[in-house]
Amino acid sequence: MSVLKKLQHEFLLVLPPTIFFFMGFTLISITQRLILREHDMPLTGFGAAAIGALVVGKVVLIVDKFPFMNKFPNRPLVFILPGRAVLFVVFCTLSELVRAIGKDEVIRLFLGKRATIN
């Protein structure tokens, strides 16, 4: 598969979750902007919503590829979906923490002061 075909394939995979999260993050941003406008407080704009949507959309695709995500394919969805939702929330939260405060700070937060990565 050529590089161009691979990039096109990846782009088409990441497009639906990115659009979904972009719409959600934009609605949250608009709501925050309307609330904070009353107090004359600045707020990050749609750029933050777009970047967050790209990051979370890609995290969702990466987590979906983990082998334990499809461990019980014959079980009813009522048992599978809550576990998947929890995993998506955990990984998306970790990715946002890394984006917001940095990898080293996240490692120190979870592993303590003496944890260092070479």
C-alpha atoms as a PDB file:
ATOM      1  CA  MET A   1       0.000   0.000   0.000  1.00  0.00           C
ATOM      2  CA  SER A   2       1.447   3.329  -0.992  1.00  0.00           C
ATOM      3  CA  VAL A   3       2.005   6.104   1.492  1.00  0.00           C
ATOM      4  CA  LEU A   4      -0.731   8.252  -0.041  1.00  0.00           C
ATOM      5  CA  LYS A   5      -3.278   5.419   0.172  1.00  0.00           C
ATOM      6  CA  LYS A   6      -2.296   4.729   3.789  1.00  0.00           C
ATOM      7  CA  LEU A   7      -2.678   8.421   4.721  1.00  0.00           C
ATOM      8  CA  GLN A   8      -6.050   8.559   2.998  1.00  0.00           C
ATOM      9  CA  HIS A   9      -7.170   5.413   4.826  1.00  0.00           C
ATOM     10  CA  GLU A  10      -6.062   6.804   8.220  1.00  0.00           C
ATOM     11  CA  PHE A  11      -7.736  10.133   7.493  1.00  0.00           C
ATOM     12  CA  LEU A  12     -11.032   8.428   6.664  1.00  0.00           C
ATOM     13  CA  LEU A  13     -10.802   6.367   9.877  1.00  0.00           C
ATOM     14  CA  VAL A  14     -10.180   9.344  12.133  1.00  0.00           C
ATOM     15  CA  LEU A  15     -12.762  11.610  10.475  1.00  0.00           C
ATOM     16  CA  PRO A  16     -16.035  10.359  12.105  1.00  0.00           C
ATOM     17  CA  PRO A  17     -14.873  10.405  15.756  1.00  0.00           C
ATOM     18  CA  THR A  18     -13.106  13.724  15.188  1.00  0.00           C
ATOM     19  CA  ILE A  19     -16.264  15.322  13.799  1.00  0.00           C
ATOM     20  CA  PHE A  20     -18.283  13.925  16.700  1.00  0.00           C
ATOM     21  CA  PHE A  21     -15.890  15.219  19.365  1.00  0.00           C
ATOM     22  CA  PHE A  22     -15.395  18.543  17.551  1.00  0.00           C
ATOM     23  CA  MET A  23     -19.140  19.156  17.629  1.00  0.00           C
ATOM     24  CA  GLY A  24     -19.301  18.231  21.322  1.00  0.00           C
ATOM     25  CA  PHE A  25     -16.266  20.296  22.312  1.00  0.00           C
ATOM     26  CA  THR A  26     -17.548  23.246  20.269  1.00  0.00           C
ATOM     27  CA  LEU A  27     -20.908  23.136  22.041  1.00  0.00           C
ATOM     28  CA  ILE A  28     -19.105  23.073  25.389  1.00  0.00           C
ATOM     29  CA  SER A  29     -16.890  25.973  24.289  1.00  0.00           C
ATOM     30  CA  ILE A  30     -19.891  28.038  23.149  1.00  0.00           C
ATOM     31  CA  THR A  31     -21.665  27.377  26.439  1.00  0.00           C
ATOM     32  CA  GLN A  32     -18.585  28.396  28.442  1.00  0.00           C
ATOM     33  CA  ARG A  33     -18.146  31.495  26.298  1.00  0.00           C
ATOM     34  CA  LEU A  34     -21.758  32.553  26.863  1.00  0.00           C
ATOM     35  CA  ILE A  35     -21.492  32.021  30.604  1.00  0.00           C
ATOM     36  CA  LEU A  36     -18.127  33.767  30.967  1.00  0.00           C
ATOM     37  CA  ARG A  37     -19.139  36.682  28.743  1.00  0.00           C
ATOM     38  CA  GLU A  38     -21.242  37.985  31.623  1.00  0.00           C
ATOM     39  CA  HIS A  39     -18.089  38.271  33.758  1.00  0.00           C
ATOM     40  CA  ASP A  40     -15.751  39.581  31.014  1.00  0.00           C
ATOM     41  CA  MET A  41     -13.431  36.589  31.348  1.00  0.00           C
ATOM     42  CA  PRO A  42     -11.369  35.332  28.378  1.00  0.00           C
ATOM     43  CA  LEU A  43     -11.733  31.781  27.093  1.00  0.00           C
ATOM     44  CA  THR A  44      -9.870  29.663  24.578  1.00  0.00           C
ATOM     45  CA  GLY A  45     -11.629  29.455  21.256  1.00  0.00           C
ATOM     46  CA  PHE A  46     -12.439  26.899  18.648  1.00  0.00           C
ATOM     47  CA  GLY A  47      -8.783  26.019  18.100  1.00  0.00           C
ATOM     48  CA  ALA A  48      -8.659  24.248  21.433  1.00  0.00           C
ATOM     49  CA  ALA A  49     -11.860  22.396  20.544  1.00  0.00           C
ATOM     50  CA  ALA A  50     -10.391  21.312  17.201  1.00  0.00           C
ATOM     51  CA  ILE A  51      -7.092  20.128  18.678  1.00  0.00           C
ATOM     52  CA  GLY A  52      -8.857  18.337  21.514  1.00  0.00           C
ATOM     53  CA  ALA A  53     -11.179  16.633  19.024  1.00  0.00           C
ATOM     54  CA  LEU A  54      -8.235  15.439  16.926  1.00  0.00           C
ATOM     55  CA  VAL A  55      -6.409  14.073  19.952  1.00  0.00           C
ATOM     56  CA  VAL A  56      -9.437  12.354  21.486  1.00  0.00           C
ATOM     57  CA  GLY A  57     -10.569  10.995  18.100  1.00  0.00           C
ATOM     58  CA  LYS A  58      -7.184   9.366  17.550  1.00  0.00           C
ATOM     59  CA  VAL A  59      -7.087   8.038  21.126  1.00  0.00           C
ATOM     60  CA  VAL A  60     -10.475   6.401  20.583  1.00  0.00           C
ATOM     61  CA  LEU A  61      -9.171   4.677  17.446  1.00  0.00           C
ATOM     62  CA  ILE A  62      -5.995   3.524  19.204  1.00  0.00           C
ATOM     63  CA  VAL A  63      -7.864   2.175  22.232  1.00  0.00           C
ATOM     64  CA  ASP A  64     -10.333   0.391  19.956  1.00  0.00           C
ATOM     65  CA  LYS A  65      -7.414  -1.599  18.478  1.00  0.00           C
ATOM     66  CA  PHE A  66      -6.327  -3.011  21.861  1.00  0.00           C
ATOM     67  CA  PRO A  67      -6.851  -6.791  21.989  1.00  0.00           C
ATOM     68  CA  PHE A  68      -8.775  -6.727  25.262  1.00  0.00           C
ATOM     69  CA  MET A  69     -11.377  -4.352  23.805  1.00  0.00           C
ATOM     70  CA  ASN A  70     -12.969  -7.190  21.825  1.00  0.00           C
ATOM     71  CA  LYS A  71     -12.396  -9.942  24.362  1.00  0.00           C
ATOM     72  CA  PHE A  72     -16.049 -11.006  24.594  1.00  0.00           C
ATOM     73  CA  PRO A  73     -17.520 -10.684  21.084  1.00  0.00           C
ATOM     74  CA  ASN A  74     -20.433 -13.067  21.740  1.00  0.00           C
ATOM     75  CA  ARG A  75     -21.690 -11.336  24.892  1.00  0.00           C
ATOM     76  CA  PRO A  76     -24.661  -8.933  24.768  1.00  0.00           C
ATOM     77  CA  LEU A  77     -23.747  -5.287  24.283  1.00  0.00           C
ATOM     78  CA  VAL A  78     -25.208  -4.372  27.667  1.00  0.00           C
ATOM     79  CA  PHE A  79     -22.187  -6.084  29.258  1.00  0.00           C
ATOM     80  CA  ILE A  80     -19.557  -4.874  26.793  1.00  0.00           C
ATOM     81  CA  LEU A  81     -20.380  -1.179  26.359  1.00  0.00           C
ATOM     82  CA  PRO A  82     -19.982  -0.005  29.991  1.00  0.00           C
ATOM     83  CA  GLY A  83     -16.497  -1.515  30.181  1.00  0.00           C
ATOM     84  CA  ARG A  84     -15.499   0.005  26.862  1.00  0.00           C
ATOM     85  CA  ALA A  85     -16.874   3.377  27.928  1.00  0.00           C
ATOM     86  CA  VAL A  86     -14.805   3.299  31.124  1.00  0.00           C
ATOM     87  CA  LEU A  87     -11.645   2.438  29.173  1.00  0.00           C
ATOM     88  CA  PHE A  88     -12.284   5.214  26.657  1.00  0.00           C
ATOM     89  CA  VAL A  89     -12.808   7.725  29.465  1.00  0.00           C
ATOM     90  CA  VAL A  90      -9.601   6.639  31.221  1.00  0.00           C
ATOM     91  CA  PHE A  91      -7.448   6.819  28.077  1.00  0.00           C
ATOM     92  CA  CYS A  92      -8.968  10.107  26.880  1.00  0.00           C
ATOM     93  CA  THR A  93      -8.452  11.640  30.323  1.00  0.00           C
ATOM     94  CA  LEU A  94      -4.830  10.501  30.366  1.00  0.00           C
ATOM     95  CA  SER A  95      -4.219  11.907  26.882  1.00  0.00           C
ATOM     96  CA  GLU A  96      -5.715  15.252  27.881  1.00  0.00           C
ATOM     97  CA  LEU A  97      -3.587  15.293  31.047  1.00  0.00           C
ATOM     98  CA  VAL A  98      -0.468  14.666  28.995  1.00  0.00           C
ATOM     99  CA  ARG A  99      -1.463  17.417  26.574  1.00  0.00           C
ATOM    100  CA  ALA A 100      -2.298  19.904  29.314  1.00  0.00           C
ATOM    101  CA  ILE A 101       0.488  19.442  31.863  1.00  0.00           C
ATOM    102  CA  GLY A 102       3.128  17.398  30.060  1.00  0.00           C
ATOM    103  CA  LYS A 103       4.359  13.832  30.107  1.00  0.00           C
ATOM    104  CA  ASP A 104       6.866  14.292  32.937  1.00  0.00           C
ATOM    105  CA  GLU A 105       4.303  15.868  35.249  1.00  0.00           C
ATOM    106  CA  VAL A 106       1.774  13.081  34.574  1.00  0.00           C
ATOM    107  CA  ILE A 107       4.422  10.445  35.358  1.00  0.00           C
ATOM    108  CA  ARG A 108       5.309  12.247  38.600  1.00  0.00           C
ATOM    109  CA  LEU A 109       1.614  12.558  39.452  1.00  0.00           C
ATOM    110  CA  PHE A 110       0.972   8.820  39.163  1.00  0.00           C
ATOM    111  CA  LEU A 111       4.347   7.334  40.098  1.00  0.00           C
ATOM    112  CA  GLY A 112       5.664   9.832  42.645  1.00  0.00           C
ATOM    113  CA  LYS A 113       8.505  12.337  42.829  1.00  0.00           C
ATOM    114  CA  ARG A 114      11.313   9.869  42.221  1.00  0.00           C
ATOM    115  CA  ALA A 115       9.947   8.499  38.952  1.00  0.00           C
ATOM    116  CA  THR A 116      11.995   9.586  35.958  1.00  0.00           C
ATOM    117  CA  ILE A 117      11.887   8.466  32.371  1.00  0.00           C
ATOM    118  CA  ASN A 118      15.158   8.342  30.422  1.00  0.00           C
END
